[in-house]
């Protein structure tokens, strides 16, 4: 087992996911402030779920004898239009899921990390499908009707 390979993958995911989770929290609070309660709750809940994964990744890094790093956040602006945000988030999710497939394959010699990342990948695929469904629904019923459903 190549512990360093697992530690590097987990640290990368810890950094990127905690950054993305914070964006979900900020976007969720923004949507709530506009009255889109359901959409806001979706993204603030997503933040909590993602931070649970971050905690699991950090615990695994420590189990492997590594050191968890707190790395800088990337600056990102709040996306004002809800559907624009869902679309932008979907683009990030698509790239992320593709990258995760590689990460999972890269740690196959470490069954514990492999299982952890495989479970995380399944969770991310669910999120990707939700975003796709929302965009399809908005296209079918119209943006204004979709926004009403988010209240």
Protein backbone atom coordinates (compact mmCIF):
# COMPACT_ATOMS: atom_id res chain seq x y z
CA UNK A 1 0.00 0.00 0.00
CA UNK A 2 1.29 3.44 -0.92
CA UNK A 3 0.22 5.51 2.08
CA UNK A 4 1.57 8.72 0.60
CA UNK A 5 -0.60 8.35 -2.50
CA UNK A 6 -3.68 7.94 -0.29
CA UNK A 7 -2.71 10.88 1.94
CA UNK A 8 -2.17 13.15 -1.07
CA UNK A 9 -5.54 12.22 -2.59
CA UNK A 10 -7.34 12.71 0.72
CA UNK A 11 -5.64 16.04 1.38
CA UNK A 12 -6.56 17.28 -2.09
CA UNK A 13 -10.18 16.28 -1.50
CA UNK A 14 -10.18 17.80 1.98
CA UNK A 15 -9.04 21.15 0.61
CA UNK A 16 -11.25 21.21 -2.47
CA UNK A 17 -14.34 19.87 -0.74
CA UNK A 18 -14.10 22.24 2.23
CA UNK A 19 -13.78 25.13 -0.24
CA UNK A 20 -16.76 23.94 -2.25
CA UNK A 21 -18.79 23.24 0.87
CA UNK A 22 -18.30 26.80 2.09
CA UNK A 23 -19.51 28.09 -1.27
CA UNK A 24 -22.64 25.94 -0.89
CA UNK A 25 -23.23 27.43 2.56
CA UNK A 26 -22.83 30.99 1.29
CA UNK A 27 -25.06 30.35 -1.73
CA UNK A 28 -27.66 28.63 0.45
CA UNK A 29 -27.80 31.57 2.84
CA UNK A 30 -28.07 33.94 -0.11
CA UNK A 31 -30.96 31.97 -1.62
CA UNK A 32 -32.71 31.87 1.75
CA UNK A 33 -32.39 35.65 1.99
CA UNK A 34 -34.21 35.92 -1.35
CA UNK A 35 -37.07 33.77 -0.05
CA UNK A 36 -36.02 30.60 -1.88
CA UNK A 37 -36.19 28.58 1.32
CA UNK A 38 -36.15 25.09 -0.23
CA UNK A 39 -33.20 25.88 -2.45
CA UNK A 40 -31.37 27.52 0.44
CA UNK A 41 -31.97 24.51 2.66
CA UNK A 42 -30.76 22.19 -0.09
CA UNK A 43 -27.41 23.97 -0.31
CA UNK A 44 -26.91 24.57 3.42
CA UNK A 45 -27.72 20.89 3.96
CA UNK A 46 -25.26 20.04 1.23
CA UNK A 47 -22.62 22.04 3.13
CA UNK A 48 -23.19 19.97 6.27
CA UNK A 49 -23.05 16.72 4.32
CA UNK A 50 -19.83 17.70 2.56
CA UNK A 51 -18.17 18.73 5.81
CA UNK A 52 -18.96 15.26 7.21
CA UNK A 53 -16.95 13.85 4.29
CA UNK A 54 -14.14 16.30 5.04
CA UNK A 55 -14.06 15.02 8.62
CA UNK A 56 -13.85 11.42 7.37
CA UNK A 57 -11.04 12.32 4.97
CA UNK A 58 -9.09 14.10 7.72
CA UNK A 59 -9.54 11.15 10.09
CA UNK A 60 -8.22 8.79 7.42
CA UNK A 61 -5.20 11.02 6.76
CA UNK A 62 -4.42 10.90 10.47
CA UNK A 63 -4.96 7.11 10.59
CA UNK A 64 -2.37 6.79 7.81
CA UNK A 65 0.12 8.83 9.84
CA UNK A 66 -0.18 11.95 7.72
CA UNK A 67 -0.64 15.57 8.70
CA UNK A 68 -3.80 17.43 7.77
CA UNK A 69 -3.10 20.78 6.13
CA UNK A 70 -5.36 23.82 6.24
CA UNK A 71 -4.92 25.35 2.82
CA UNK A 72 -6.14 28.65 1.40
CA UNK A 73 -9.65 29.13 0.08
CA UNK A 74 -10.17 30.21 -3.48
CA UNK A 75 -12.11 33.43 -3.92
CA UNK A 76 -15.50 32.88 -5.55
CA UNK A 77 -18.33 35.31 -6.06
CA UNK A 78 -21.93 34.58 -5.12
CA UNK A 79 -23.97 33.69 -8.19
CA UNK A 80 -27.07 35.85 -8.04
CA UNK A 81 -29.43 33.87 -10.31
CA UNK A 82 -30.44 30.52 -8.79
CA UNK A 83 -30.56 28.58 -12.06
CA UNK A 84 -27.20 30.02 -13.11
CA UNK A 85 -25.77 28.68 -9.86
CA UNK A 86 -27.28 25.21 -10.35
CA UNK A 87 -25.79 25.17 -13.86
CA UNK A 88 -22.36 26.35 -12.65
CA UNK A 89 -22.41 23.84 -9.80
CA UNK A 90 -23.31 21.07 -12.25
CA UNK A 91 -20.27 21.90 -14.38
CA UNK A 92 -18.06 21.64 -11.29
CA UNK A 93 -19.74 18.37 -10.27
CA UNK A 94 -19.21 16.82 -13.70
CA UNK A 95 -15.49 17.57 -13.58
CA UNK A 96 -15.33 16.45 -9.96
CA UNK A 97 -17.01 13.11 -10.59
CA UNK A 98 -14.66 12.41 -13.50
CA UNK A 99 -11.69 13.29 -11.30
CA UNK A 100 -13.02 11.10 -8.47
CA UNK A 101 -13.12 8.06 -10.74
CA UNK A 102 -9.38 8.53 -11.21
CA UNK A 103 -8.80 9.06 -7.49
CA UNK A 104 -10.67 5.88 -6.61
CA UNK A 105 -8.63 3.88 -9.13
CA UNK A 106 -5.42 5.48 -7.85
CA UNK A 107 -5.92 4.26 -4.27
CA UNK A 108 -7.11 0.71 -5.03
CA UNK A 109 -4.06 -0.65 -3.15
CA UNK A 110 -5.47 0.87 0.06
CA UNK A 111 -8.83 -0.87 0.59
CA UNK A 112 -9.98 1.39 3.43
CA UNK A 113 -9.35 4.62 1.51
CA UNK A 114 -10.71 2.98 -1.63
CA UNK A 115 -14.01 2.16 0.11
CA UNK A 116 -14.21 5.66 1.58
CA UNK A 117 -13.67 7.36 -1.78
CA UNK A 118 -16.00 4.94 -3.53
CA UNK A 119 -18.79 5.86 -1.08
CA UNK A 120 -18.04 9.55 -1.55
CA UNK A 121 -18.16 9.11 -5.34
CA UNK A 122 -21.61 7.54 -5.10
CA UNK A 123 -22.77 10.50 -3.00
CA UNK A 124 -21.38 12.98 -5.50
CA UNK A 125 -23.09 11.20 -8.37
CA UNK A 126 -26.43 11.63 -6.54
CA UNK A 127 -25.74 15.37 -6.25
CA UNK A 128 -24.88 15.55 -9.93
CA UNK A 129 -28.15 13.84 -10.87
CA UNK A 130 -30.12 16.26 -8.66
CA UNK A 131 -28.58 19.25 -10.46
CA UNK A 132 -29.32 17.71 -13.85
CA UNK A 133 -32.92 17.07 -12.81
CA UNK A 134 -33.37 20.66 -11.63
CA UNK A 135 -32.14 22.08 -14.92
CA UNK A 136 -34.35 19.70 -16.88
CA UNK A 137 -37.35 20.58 -14.71
CA UNK A 138 -36.74 24.31 -15.16
CA UNK A 139 -36.56 23.81 -18.90
CA UNK A 140 -39.83 21.85 -18.92
CA UNK A 141 -41.90 24.06 -16.60
CA UNK A 142 -40.11 27.37 -17.11
CA UNK A 143 -37.74 29.26 -14.86
CA UNK A 144 -40.45 31.24 -13.03
CA UNK A 145 -42.40 28.08 -12.16
CA UNK A 146 -39.21 26.38 -11.05
CA UNK A 147 -38.36 29.37 -8.83
CA UNK A 148 -41.81 29.19 -7.22
CA UNK A 149 -41.10 25.55 -6.32
CA UNK A 150 -37.91 26.70 -4.55
CA UNK A 151 -39.78 28.96 -2.13
